């Protein structure tokens, strides 16, 4: 017999659905379960029933994988035994639970399943008899409300006069509930690699929506690498049952045109309207039913209620879904941690050098449309036509490899260029580092001395990587410091310690 007998319980959403809908949900859930286990290389045998499924597997990883399949309420590892009488159930229950209940509070939870007419005693009989037997075996005391140990006993009648089956278990590994991915249709999600868009996508997957992703790249190879790492987790761990794609759109031509033709207080709003237009084009091309974004009311200047209304008007046919509208930032970060993308998303951060000094918080639709009238609509069509498609669950190993732009040290003679704000630079900067605003650096780098090496630094390493990529393409010896300012501060501390240790080795006369 396989090592692990698992009980898979369906989400509570199943039980509110009509029979035809419920059958459709169950069929899709089974498909997603099979894809999850097969993708992870876990052998199994699955038995389906109306209200739950039973799974046999020799691989202990199965429970953790199954708790990430949306549409599941919980998973329990059970011991499967045969029984003929109540005494059989009680005796075997003591064998299973005696050690875990010794000296601890406990409760016996008995249930009967299937044709209960074939079970000549009820659940209460089991609870009383097994509870007394466990007390006699050294269990602490019965506590029905919040016990330290729950002893679950699920019984089924035998067939054709044969013995019945009983499953003993203690834990219910909680899953995320929701609906099986795929039962509620398909949409696209605008993603940036940061926390918000990843969490918004996860919430739609949880409600059964199959997603592909649209990534408007404003940061070059480093931005792409960060986004692919985040979305790879979402695809591999949470998207069982289908194979999501990511459409990468080079948005630099759009950003360049905005800078040249649009008033700076409207940059961010029009940039997001252009992103919505691109997402809608991709959704219509792939027969999707809407677009998902990670916006939350009031989180930044472009996400005031007025500005969200203006941004939404860029979608002419399909709806824009914003599952995070009422979330606080800490709530978003908490979900990102549970998803397993927090560290990756933190490394990506938000890339956008189009940050005006006084952004509009209450944009007027007529003023936005007036600015947009100066834009060339063909540029938007061109960047969509030249998109790159990434099949997230089949990414080649090289796609997630370092880009060649990074360094973890400061080469001798290198110019360290700090791209952060003046306030951040004054608070701390690497000894000898020069400061230049990122927008100014984007314009000025071709005039730099090409004979010198450069190390670029910013808050999290994304803006510096974008500039390093441009400089390398222009023939410069330039890298960005991996890990951003925190890792550079750690390097500086290590260098100070090394200098102090070297000084201590010198003769006193030399030191003085």
Protein backbone atom coordinates (compact mmCIF):
# COMPACT_ATOMS: atom_id res chain seq x y z
CA UNK A 1 0.00 0.00 0.00
CA UNK A 2 1.34 3.50 -0.79
CA UNK A 3 2.82 5.44 2.10
CA UNK A 4 0.35 8.34 2.06
CA UNK A 5 -3.46 8.30 1.96
CA UNK A 6 -4.81 11.80 1.44
CA UNK A 7 -8.29 13.27 1.79
CA UNK A 8 -8.93 16.22 -0.56
CA UNK A 9 -11.87 18.44 0.36
CA UNK A 10 -13.53 20.75 -2.14
CA UNK A 11 -13.93 24.48 -1.58
CA UNK A 12 -17.14 25.64 0.06
CA UNK A 13 -18.05 27.38 -3.21
CA UNK A 14 -18.83 23.98 -4.73
CA UNK A 15 -21.75 23.33 -2.40
CA UNK A 16 -23.72 26.43 -3.44
CA UNK A 17 -23.75 25.50 -7.13
CA UNK A 18 -26.38 23.70 -9.20
CA UNK A 19 -25.58 20.11 -10.12
CA UNK A 20 -24.47 20.88 -13.69
CA UNK A 21 -22.16 23.72 -12.58
CA UNK A 22 -20.77 21.65 -9.73
CA UNK A 23 -19.94 18.79 -12.08
CA UNK A 24 -18.11 21.22 -14.36
CA UNK A 25 -16.16 22.60 -11.40
CA UNK A 26 -15.23 19.11 -10.23
CA UNK A 27 -14.04 18.07 -13.67
CA UNK A 28 -11.80 21.12 -13.90
CA UNK A 29 -10.52 20.62 -10.34
CA UNK A 30 -9.52 17.03 -11.13
CA UNK A 31 -7.76 18.25 -14.29
CA UNK A 32 -5.84 20.86 -12.27
CA UNK A 33 -4.92 18.36 -9.54
CA UNK A 34 -3.57 15.94 -12.11
CA UNK A 35 -1.57 18.72 -13.79
CA UNK A 36 -0.16 19.86 -10.42
CA UNK A 37 1.08 16.43 -9.40
CA UNK A 38 2.33 15.49 -12.86
CA UNK A 39 4.20 18.79 -13.19
CA UNK A 40 5.96 18.13 -9.88
CA UNK A 41 6.82 14.53 -10.83
CA UNK A 42 4.60 13.03 -8.11
CA UNK A 43 3.03 9.61 -8.84
CA UNK A 44 -0.54 9.18 -7.61
CA UNK A 45 -3.83 7.37 -7.86
CA UNK A 46 -6.95 9.53 -7.55
CA UNK A 47 -10.45 8.38 -6.54
CA UNK A 48 -13.22 10.92 -7.15
CA UNK A 49 -16.48 11.21 -5.19
CA UNK A 50 -19.27 13.79 -5.17
CA UNK A 51 -18.00 15.85 -2.23
CA UNK A 52 -14.26 15.07 -2.06
CA UNK A 53 -11.45 13.03 -3.56
CA UNK A 54 -9.05 10.45 -2.14
CA UNK A 55 -5.47 10.24 -3.30
CA UNK A 56 -2.74 7.65 -2.80
CA UNK A 57 0.89 8.61 -3.32
CA UNK A 58 4.33 7.55 -2.07
CA UNK A 59 5.57 11.16 -2.23
CA UNK A 60 5.25 13.31 0.91
CA UNK A 61 5.50 16.48 -1.20
CA UNK A 62 1.96 15.95 -2.43
CA UNK A 63 0.25 17.74 0.46
CA UNK A 64 2.19 20.97 -0.01
CA UNK A 65 1.57 20.93 -3.76
CA UNK A 66 -2.15 20.20 -3.42
CA UNK A 67 -2.71 23.08 -0.99
CA UNK A 68 -1.74 25.39 -3.87
CA UNK A 69 -4.49 24.09 -6.16
CA UNK A 70 -7.34 26.60 -6.09
CA UNK A 71 -10.75 25.03 -5.46
CA UNK A 72 -9.46 22.91 -2.57
CA UNK A 73 -10.45 23.62 1.02
CA UNK A 74 -8.00 21.36 2.82
CA UNK A 75 -5.84 18.23 2.58
CA UNK A 76 -5.38 15.60 5.29
CA UNK A 77 -2.98 12.69 5.57
CA UNK A 78 -5.00 9.74 6.92
CA UNK A 79 -4.46 6.20 8.08
CA UNK A 80 -6.81 3.85 6.24
CA UNK A 81 -8.04 0.79 8.17
CA UNK A 82 -10.77 -1.85 7.81
CA UNK A 83 -13.49 -2.35 10.44
CA UNK A 84 -16.36 -4.73 11.14
CA UNK A 85 -17.59 -3.55 14.56
CA UNK A 86 -17.50 -0.44 16.73
CA UNK A 87 -14.87 -2.18 18.87
CA UNK A 88 -12.64 -2.42 15.78
CA UNK A 89 -12.90 1.32 15.22
CA UNK A 90 -12.17 2.13 18.88
CA UNK A 91 -9.22 -0.26 19.18
CA UNK A 92 -7.58 1.04 16.01
CA UNK A 93 -8.33 4.65 16.98
CA UNK A 94 -6.42 4.14 20.23
CA UNK A 95 -3.46 2.75 18.24
CA UNK A 96 -3.44 5.83 16.03
CA UNK A 97 -4.14 8.60 18.55
CA UNK A 98 -2.85 7.38 21.95
CA UNK A 99 0.62 8.86 21.66
CA UNK A 100 -0.47 12.29 20.33
CA UNK A 101 -3.23 12.76 22.94
CA UNK A 102 -1.25 11.61 25.97
CA UNK A 103 -1.31 14.40 28.54
CA UNK A 104 -2.98 16.83 26.10
CA UNK A 105 -6.51 18.14 25.61
CA UNK A 106 -8.34 16.47 22.75
CA UNK A 107 -11.66 16.01 20.97
CA UNK A 108 -12.88 13.09 18.88
CA UNK A 109 -14.69 14.16 15.69
CA UNK A 110 -16.63 11.31 14.10
CA UNK A 111 -18.43 11.33 10.75
CA UNK A 112 -20.15 8.73 8.58
CA UNK A 113 -19.99 8.90 4.81
CA UNK A 114 -21.73 7.17 1.94
CA UNK A 115 -24.56 4.71 2.69
CA UNK A 116 -24.87 5.23 6.45
CA UNK A 117 -27.52 2.50 6.69
CA UNK A 118 -24.65 0.02 6.51
CA UNK A 119 -23.07 1.45 9.68
CA UNK A 120 -24.89 0.07 12.77
CA UNK A 121 -23.82 2.93 15.07
CA UNK A 122 -23.73 6.71 14.74
CA UNK A 123 -20.97 9.29 14.98
CA UNK A 124 -21.77 10.13 18.60
CA UNK A 125 -21.28 6.49 19.57
CA UNK A 126 -17.78 6.58 18.08
CA UNK A 127 -16.89 9.88 19.75
CA UNK A 128 -17.98 8.67 23.19
CA UNK A 129 -16.40 5.21 22.95
CA UNK A 130 -13.08 6.35 21.47
CA UNK A 131 -12.91 9.36 23.79
CA UNK A 132 -13.27 7.11 26.87
CA UNK A 133 -10.70 4.66 25.52
CA UNK A 134 -8.18 7.46 24.92
CA UNK A 135 -8.71 8.78 28.46
CA UNK A 136 -8.07 5.28 29.77
CA UNK A 137 -4.89 5.20 27.64
CA UNK A 138 -3.50 8.37 29.24
CA UNK A 139 -4.98 11.24 27.24
CA UNK A 140 -5.17 14.54 29.14
CA UNK A 141 -8.80 15.60 29.07
CA UNK A 142 -11.61 16.23 26.62
CA UNK A 143 -12.02 19.80 25.39
CA UNK A 144 -14.45 20.23 22.52
CA UNK A 145 -13.64 23.89 22.00
CA UNK A 146 -10.14 24.45 20.58
CA UNK A 147 -8.46 21.22 21.72
CA UNK A 148 -4.73 20.67 21.35
CA UNK A 149 -5.43 17.50 19.31
CA UNK A 150 -8.44 16.78 17.08
CA UNK A 151 -8.89 13.05 16.47
CA UNK A 152 -10.88 12.76 13.26
CA UNK A 153 -12.64 9.48 12.40
CA UNK A 154 -14.41 9.07 9.05
CA UNK A 155 -16.26 5.80 8.45
CA UNK A 156 -17.67 4.17 5.34
CA UNK A 157 -19.84 1.05 5.15
CA UNK A 158 -18.52 -2.06 3.44
CA UNK A 159 -19.98 -3.48 0.24
CA UNK A 160 -21.52 -6.90 -0.31
CA UNK A 161 -21.24 -7.71 3.39
CA UNK A 162 -17.51 -7.00 3.49
CA UNK A 163 -15.67 -4.87 6.06
CA UNK A 164 -16.02 -1.11 6.02
CA UNK A 165 -13.27 1.48 5.77
CA UNK A 166 -12.27 4.03 8.39
CA UNK A 167 -9.87 6.94 7.95
CA UNK A 168 -8.09 8.34 11.01
CA UNK A 169 -6.38 11.74 10.80
CA UNK A 170 -5.43 14.72 12.93
CA UNK A 171 -4.48 17.62 10.70
CA UNK A 172 -6.27 19.55 8.01
CA UNK A 173 -3.69 21.37 5.91
CA UNK A 174 -5.59 24.47 4.87
CA UNK A 175 -5.73 25.31 1.21
CA UNK A 176 -6.91 28.59 -0.32
CA UNK A 177 -10.45 27.60 -1.34
CA UNK A 178 -11.73 29.65 -4.23
CA UNK A 179 -12.59 28.16 -7.62
CA UNK A 180 -10.59 25.89 -9.93
CA UNK A 181 -8.52 27.96 -12.34
CA UNK A 182 -10.30 28.04 -15.69
CA UNK A 183 -13.97 27.75 -14.66
CA UNK A 184 -14.61 31.52 -14.83
CA UNK A 185 -13.13 32.29 -18.22
CA UNK A 186 -9.96 34.10 -19.27
CA UNK A 187 -8.48 37.60 -18.91
CA UNK A 188 -5.14 39.39 -19.18
CA UNK A 189 -3.26 41.08 -16.33
CA UNK A 190 -0.97 44.08 -16.61
CA UNK A 191 2.14 43.24 -14.60
CA UNK A 192 5.24 45.19 -13.63
CA UNK A 193 7.05 42.62 -11.45
CA UNK A 194 6.14 44.51 -8.25
CA UNK A 195 3.92 43.42 -5.38
CA UNK A 196 0.62 44.90 -6.50
CA UNK A 197 0.21 43.39 -9.95
CA UNK A 198 1.38 39.96 -8.78
CA UNK A 199 -1.09 39.90 -5.87
CA UNK A 200 -3.94 41.18 -8.06
CA UNK A 201 -3.23 38.38 -10.55
CA UNK A 202 -3.17 35.78 -7.76
CA UNK A 203 -6.57 36.92 -6.50
CA UNK A 204 -8.12 36.49 -9.96
CA UNK A 205 -6.55 33.04 -10.32
CA UNK A 206 -8.06 32.19 -6.93
CA UNK A 207 -11.51 33.01 -8.29
CA UNK A 208 -11.09 30.68 -11.25
CA UNK A 209 -9.92 33.15 -13.93
CA UNK A 210 -7.26 31.90 -16.32
CA UNK A 211 -4.71 34.67 -16.95
CA UNK A 212 -2.14 35.62 -19.51
CA UNK A 213 0.07 38.62 -18.75
CA UNK A 214 1.04 41.88 -20.45
CA UNK A 215 4.34 43.44 -19.40
CA UNK A 216 5.14 46.95 -20.64
CA UNK A 217 8.94 47.07 -20.35
CA UNK A 218 10.41 50.42 -19.35
CA UNK A 219 13.63 49.08 -17.87
CA UNK A 220 15.33 46.89 -20.44
CA UNK A 221 16.94 43.51 -19.77
CA UNK A 222 17.15 43.91 -15.99
CA UNK A 223 13.46 44.77 -15.73
CA UNK A 224 12.58 41.81 -17.92
CA UNK A 225 14.65 39.47 -15.77
CA UNK A 226 12.96 40.63 -12.57
CA UNK A 227 9.47 40.32 -14.03
CA UNK A 228 10.12 36.86 -15.45
CA UNK A 229 11.34 35.62 -12.06
CA UNK A 230 8.19 36.86 -10.30
CA UNK A 231 5.79 35.61 -12.96
CA UNK A 232 7.57 32.25 -13.16
CA UNK A 233 6.61 31.66 -9.50
CA UNK A 234 3.00 32.58 -10.25
CA UNK A 235 2.96 30.25 -13.26
CA UNK A 236 4.72 27.27 -11.66
CA UNK A 237 3.14 27.35 -8.19
CA UNK A 238 -0.35 28.77 -8.69
CA UNK A 239 -1.45 28.24 -12.29
CA UNK A 240 -2.03 24.49 -12.48
CA UNK A 241 -4.32 23.39 -15.28
CA UNK A 242 -3.06 25.65 -18.08
CA UNK A 243 0.14 27.19 -19.42
CA UNK A 244 0.21 30.99 -19.06
CA UNK A 245 1.96 33.31 -21.48
CA UNK A 246 3.57 36.70 -20.89
CA UNK A 247 3.49 39.28 -23.68
CA UNK A 248 6.43 41.69 -23.38
CA UNK A 249 5.90 45.09 -24.99
CA UNK A 250 8.85 47.45 -25.44
CA UNK A 251 7.35 50.62 -23.99
CA UNK A 252 10.40 52.84 -24.38
CA UNK A 253 9.12 54.38 -27.67
CA UNK A 254 5.86 55.24 -25.90
CA UNK A 255 7.72 56.82 -22.97
CA UNK A 256 9.99 58.82 -25.29
CA UNK A 257 6.99 60.23 -27.15
CA UNK A 258 5.24 61.16 -23.92
CA UNK A 259 8.26 63.09 -22.69
CA UNK A 260 8.45 65.00 -25.95
CA UNK A 261 4.75 65.80 -26.45
CA UNK A 262 2.84 65.63 -23.13
CA UNK A 263 2.76 68.02 -20.17
CA UNK A 264 4.73 66.41 -17.36
CA UNK A 265 1.89 66.55 -14.79
CA UNK A 266 -0.02 64.13 -17.06
CA UNK A 267 2.83 61.71 -17.82
CA UNK A 268 1.85 58.94 -15.45
CA UNK A 269 -1.86 59.03 -16.24
CA UNK A 270 -1.38 58.95 -20.00
CA UNK A 271 1.32 56.29 -19.65
CA UNK A 272 -1.17 54.09 -17.78
CA UNK A 273 -3.89 54.82 -20.32
CA UNK A 274 -1.52 53.63 -23.03
CA UNK A 275 -0.85 50.48 -21.03
CA UNK A 276 -4.58 49.86 -20.72
CA UNK A 277 -4.95 50.28 -24.49
CA UNK A 278 -2.17 47.75 -25.09
CA UNK A 279 -3.72 45.29 -22.63
CA UNK A 280 -7.09 45.66 -24.32
CA UNK A 281 -5.57 45.02 -27.73
CA UNK A 282 -3.89 41.85 -26.45
CA UNK A 283 -7.07 40.73 -24.68
CA UNK A 284 -9.16 41.14 -27.83
CA UNK A 285 -6.55 39.36 -29.96
CA UNK A 286 -6.63 36.36 -27.62
CA UNK A 287 -10.40 36.42 -26.90
CA UNK A 288 -10.11 37.42 -23.26
CA UNK A 289 -12.95 38.95 -21.28
CA UNK A 290 -11.17 41.76 -19.42
CA UNK A 291 -8.01 43.28 -17.96
CA UNK A 292 -6.61 43.07 -14.42
CA UNK A 293 -4.47 45.74 -12.78
CA UNK A 294 -2.91 46.08 -9.32
CA UNK A 295 -4.17 49.59 -8.54
CA UNK A 296 -5.44 50.48 -5.05
CA UNK A 297 -7.35 53.67 -4.29
CA UNK A 298 -5.10 56.46 -3.08
CA UNK A 299 -1.87 54.47 -3.01
CA UNK A 300 -0.04 56.89 -5.36
CA UNK A 301 -0.99 60.08 -7.16
CA UNK A 302 -2.19 58.30 -10.30
CA UNK A 303 -4.55 56.11 -8.25
CA UNK A 304 -6.93 58.71 -6.88
CA UNK A 305 -10.54 57.91 -7.63
CA UNK A 306 -10.65 60.70 -10.20
CA UNK A 307 -7.52 59.47 -11.98
CA UNK A 308 -8.63 55.84 -11.94
CA UNK A 309 -11.83 56.93 -13.67
CA UNK A 310 -9.82 58.75 -16.32
CA UNK A 311 -7.49 55.77 -16.80
CA UNK A 312 -10.44 53.37 -17.11
CA UNK A 313 -11.88 55.44 -19.97
CA UNK A 314 -8.94 54.35 -22.14
CA UNK A 315 -10.56 50.89 -22.38
CA UNK A 316 -13.18 51.13 -25.10
CA UNK A 317 -14.66 47.61 -25.05
CA UNK A 318 -13.48 45.44 -22.15
CA UNK A 319 -13.74 46.05 -18.39
CA UNK A 320 -10.77 46.82 -16.13
CA UNK A 321 -10.76 44.66 -12.97
CA UNK A 322 -8.99 46.04 -9.88
CA UNK A 323 -9.15 43.45 -7.07
CA UNK A 324 -6.88 45.50 -4.77
CA UNK A 325 -8.96 48.70 -4.67
CA UNK A 326 -9.69 48.41 -0.94
CA UNK A 327 -6.38 46.86 0.18
CA UNK A 328 -3.86 48.56 2.42
CA UNK A 329 -0.22 48.16 1.39
CA UNK A 330 0.55 45.90 4.35
CA UNK A 331 -2.30 43.59 3.32
CA UNK A 332 -0.83 43.39 -0.18
CA UNK A 333 2.63 42.61 1.18
CA UNK A 334 1.21 39.90 3.44
CA UNK A 335 -0.37 38.11 0.46
CA UNK A 336 2.89 38.48 -1.50
CA UNK A 337 4.74 36.70 1.31
CA UNK A 338 2.23 33.84 1.35
CA UNK A 339 2.46 33.56 -2.43
CA UNK A 340 6.24 33.21 -2.24
CA UNK A 341 7.06 36.28 -4.38
CA UNK A 342 7.88 38.88 -1.72
CA UNK A 343 11.68 38.84 -2.03
CA UNK A 344 11.62 38.67 -5.82
CA UNK A 345 9.06 41.48 -6.14
CA UNK A 346 10.99 43.61 -3.63
CA UNK A 347 14.07 43.30 -5.83
CA UNK A 348 12.16 44.47 -8.90
CA UNK A 349 10.56 47.51 -7.27
CA UNK A 350 8.79 50.07 -9.41
CA UNK A 351 10.59 51.30 -12.51
CA UNK A 352 9.50 54.61 -13.98
CA UNK A 353 11.68 57.63 -14.55
CA UNK A 354 8.63 59.66 -15.64
CA UNK A 355 7.94 61.13 -12.21
CA UNK A 356 6.89 64.79 -12.46
CA UNK A 357 7.53 67.21 -9.62
CA UNK A 358 3.81 68.01 -9.32
CA UNK A 359 1.73 65.13 -10.75
CA UNK A 360 -1.95 65.70 -11.35
CA UNK A 361 -4.19 64.08 -8.73
CA UNK A 362 -7.50 65.17 -10.29
CA UNK A 363 -6.95 64.93 -14.03
CA UNK A 364 -9.70 66.24 -16.29
CA UNK A 365 -10.69 63.94 -19.16
CA UNK A 366 -10.78 66.81 -21.68
CA UNK A 367 -7.25 67.93 -20.72
CA UNK A 368 -5.91 64.37 -20.96
CA UNK A 369 -7.51 63.86 -24.36
CA UNK A 370 -6.08 67.18 -25.53
CA UNK A 371 -2.56 66.01 -24.62
CA UNK A 372 -3.12 62.60 -26.18
CA UNK A 373 -4.16 64.18 -29.47
CA UNK A 374 -0.49 65.01 -30.08
CA UNK A 375 0.54 61.35 -29.88
CA UNK A 376 1.10 59.18 -32.95
CA UNK A 377 -1.28 56.17 -32.70
CA UNK A 378 0.94 54.17 -35.05
CA UNK A 379 3.65 53.88 -32.37
CA UNK A 380 1.23 51.99 -30.11
CA UNK A 381 0.31 49.64 -32.96
CA UNK A 382 3.97 49.06 -33.76
CA UNK A 383 5.05 48.10 -30.22
CA UNK A 384 2.13 45.65 -29.97
CA UNK A 385 3.04 44.10 -33.32
CA UNK A 386 6.67 43.67 -32.21
CA UNK A 387 5.82 42.02 -28.89
CA UNK A 388 7.81 39.12 -27.45
CA UNK A 389 5.94 36.08 -26.14
CA UNK A 390 7.25 34.16 -23.11
CA UNK A 391 5.77 30.76 -22.21
CA UNK A 392 6.23 31.01 -18.47
CA UNK A 393 6.10 27.35 -17.48
CA UNK A 394 8.53 26.43 -20.26
CA UNK A 395 11.11 29.19 -19.84
CA UNK A 396 14.63 28.08 -20.84
CA UNK A 397 17.20 28.21 -18.06
CA UNK A 398 19.03 31.06 -19.78
CA UNK A 399 16.01 33.34 -19.57
CA UNK A 400 16.42 33.65 -15.79
CA UNK A 401 20.21 33.82 -15.75
CA UNK A 402 22.03 37.03 -14.76
CA UNK A 403 22.03 39.54 -17.56
CA UNK A 404 25.75 40.42 -17.52
CA UNK A 405 24.95 43.91 -16.29
CA UNK A 406 25.63 43.24 -12.60
CA UNK A 407 28.65 43.64 -10.38
CA UNK A 408 29.04 42.96 -6.65
CA UNK A 409 32.22 45.04 -6.17
CA UNK A 410 33.69 48.38 -7.17
CA UNK A 411 36.56 47.89 -9.68
CA UNK A 412 39.68 49.94 -9.14
CA UNK A 413 39.42 53.34 -10.80
CA UNK A 414 35.68 53.06 -11.44
CA UNK A 415 33.40 56.09 -11.25
CA UNK A 416 30.47 55.35 -8.94
CA UNK A 417 27.39 57.19 -10.17
CA UNK A 418 24.50 57.48 -7.67
CA UNK A 419 21.10 57.88 -9.38
CA UNK A 420 19.05 58.46 -6.23
CA UNK A 421 17.50 61.70 -5.02
CA UNK A 422 19.61 64.46 -3.51
CA UNK A 423 18.08 63.81 -0.09
CA UNK A 424 18.94 60.09 -0.20
CA UNK A 425 22.44 60.85 -1.47
CA UNK A 426 23.07 63.33 1.37
CA UNK A 427 21.85 60.81 3.95
CA UNK A 428 24.50 58.28 2.80
CA UNK A 429 26.53 57.61 -0.30
CA UNK A 430 29.49 55.49 -1.23
CA UNK A 431 32.77 57.35 -0.62
CA UNK A 432 33.68 59.33 -3.73
CA UNK A 433 30.37 58.61 -5.51
CA UNK A 434 28.97 61.28 -7.83
CA UNK A 435 25.24 62.00 -8.01
CA UNK A 436 23.12 62.56 -11.08
CA UNK A 437 19.34 62.51 -11.36
CA UNK A 438 18.19 59.48 -13.34
CA UNK A 439 16.31 61.45 -16.06
CA UNK A 440 19.37 63.67 -16.51
CA UNK A 441 21.67 60.62 -16.62
CA UNK A 442 19.54 59.10 -19.39
CA UNK A 443 20.20 62.19 -21.49
CA UNK A 444 23.83 62.81 -20.52
CA UNK A 445 25.51 59.38 -20.61
CA UNK A 446 26.69 59.59 -24.28
CA UNK A 447 28.91 62.50 -23.24
CA UNK A 448 30.67 60.56 -20.45
CA UNK A 449 34.37 59.68 -20.66
CA UNK A 450 34.44 56.37 -22.49
CA UNK A 451 37.89 55.41 -21.19
CA UNK A 452 36.69 54.97 -17.60
CA UNK A 453 34.65 52.14 -16.05
CA UNK A 454 31.36 53.04 -14.35
CA UNK A 455 29.34 51.46 -11.54
CA UNK A 456 25.78 52.74 -11.29
CA UNK A 457 23.70 52.61 -8.12
CA UNK A 458 20.03 53.26 -7.26
CA UNK A 459 17.52 52.21 -4.61
CA UNK A 460 16.95 48.58 -5.63
CA UNK A 461 19.09 48.20 -8.76
CA UNK A 462 16.48 48.58 -11.48
CA UNK A 463 17.04 52.10 -12.77
CA UNK A 464 20.81 51.61 -12.52
CA UNK A 465 20.51 48.39 -14.55
CA UNK A 466 18.50 50.15 -17.25
CA UNK A 467 21.17 52.82 -17.62
CA UNK A 468 24.00 50.25 -17.50
CA UNK A 469 22.33 48.38 -20.37
CA UNK A 470 22.17 51.53 -22.49
CA UNK A 471 25.79 52.38 -21.71
CA UNK A 472 27.03 48.87 -22.54
CA UNK A 473 25.17 49.04 -25.85
CA UNK A 474 26.95 52.34 -26.47
CA UNK A 475 30.36 50.76 -25.94
CA UNK A 476 30.96 51.81 -22.32
CA UNK A 477 32.39 49.67 -19.54
CA UNK A 478 29.40 50.04 -17.21
CA UNK A 479 27.66 47.85 -14.65
CA UNK A 480 24.98 48.32 -12.06
CA UNK A 481 25.54 47.33 -8.46
CA UNK A 482 23.48 44.21 -7.75
CA UNK A 483 21.19 44.50 -4.76
CA UNK A 484 20.93 48.28 -4.79
CA UNK A 485 21.84 50.64 -2.00
CA UNK A 486 21.50 48.14 0.89
CA UNK A 487 24.09 45.80 -0.57
CA UNK A 488 26.39 48.71 -1.41
CA UNK A 489 26.22 49.91 2.21
CA UNK A 490 27.16 46.40 3.35
CA UNK A 491 30.11 46.38 0.94
CA UNK A 492 31.27 49.76 2.26
CA UNK A 493 31.12 48.45 5.83
CA UNK A 494 33.22 45.42 4.91
CA UNK A 495 35.76 47.63 3.16
CA UNK A 496 36.05 49.85 6.28
CA UNK A 497 36.64 46.77 8.44
CA UNK A 498 39.30 45.50 6.03
CA UNK A 499 41.05 48.90 6.01
CA UNK A 500 40.99 49.01 9.82
CA UNK A 501 42.45 45.50 10.04
CA UNK A 502 45.21 46.37 7.56
CA UNK A 503 46.05 49.52 9.49
CA UNK A 504 46.30 47.56 12.74
CA UNK A 505 49.01 45.35 11.18
CA UNK A 506 51.27 48.28 10.41
CA UNK A 507 54.11 49.28 12.76
CA UNK A 508 53.13 52.09 15.16
CA UNK A 509 55.55 54.51 13.53
CA UNK A 510 54.05 53.87 10.12
CA UNK A 511 50.45 54.18 11.46
CA UNK A 512 51.27 57.44 13.15
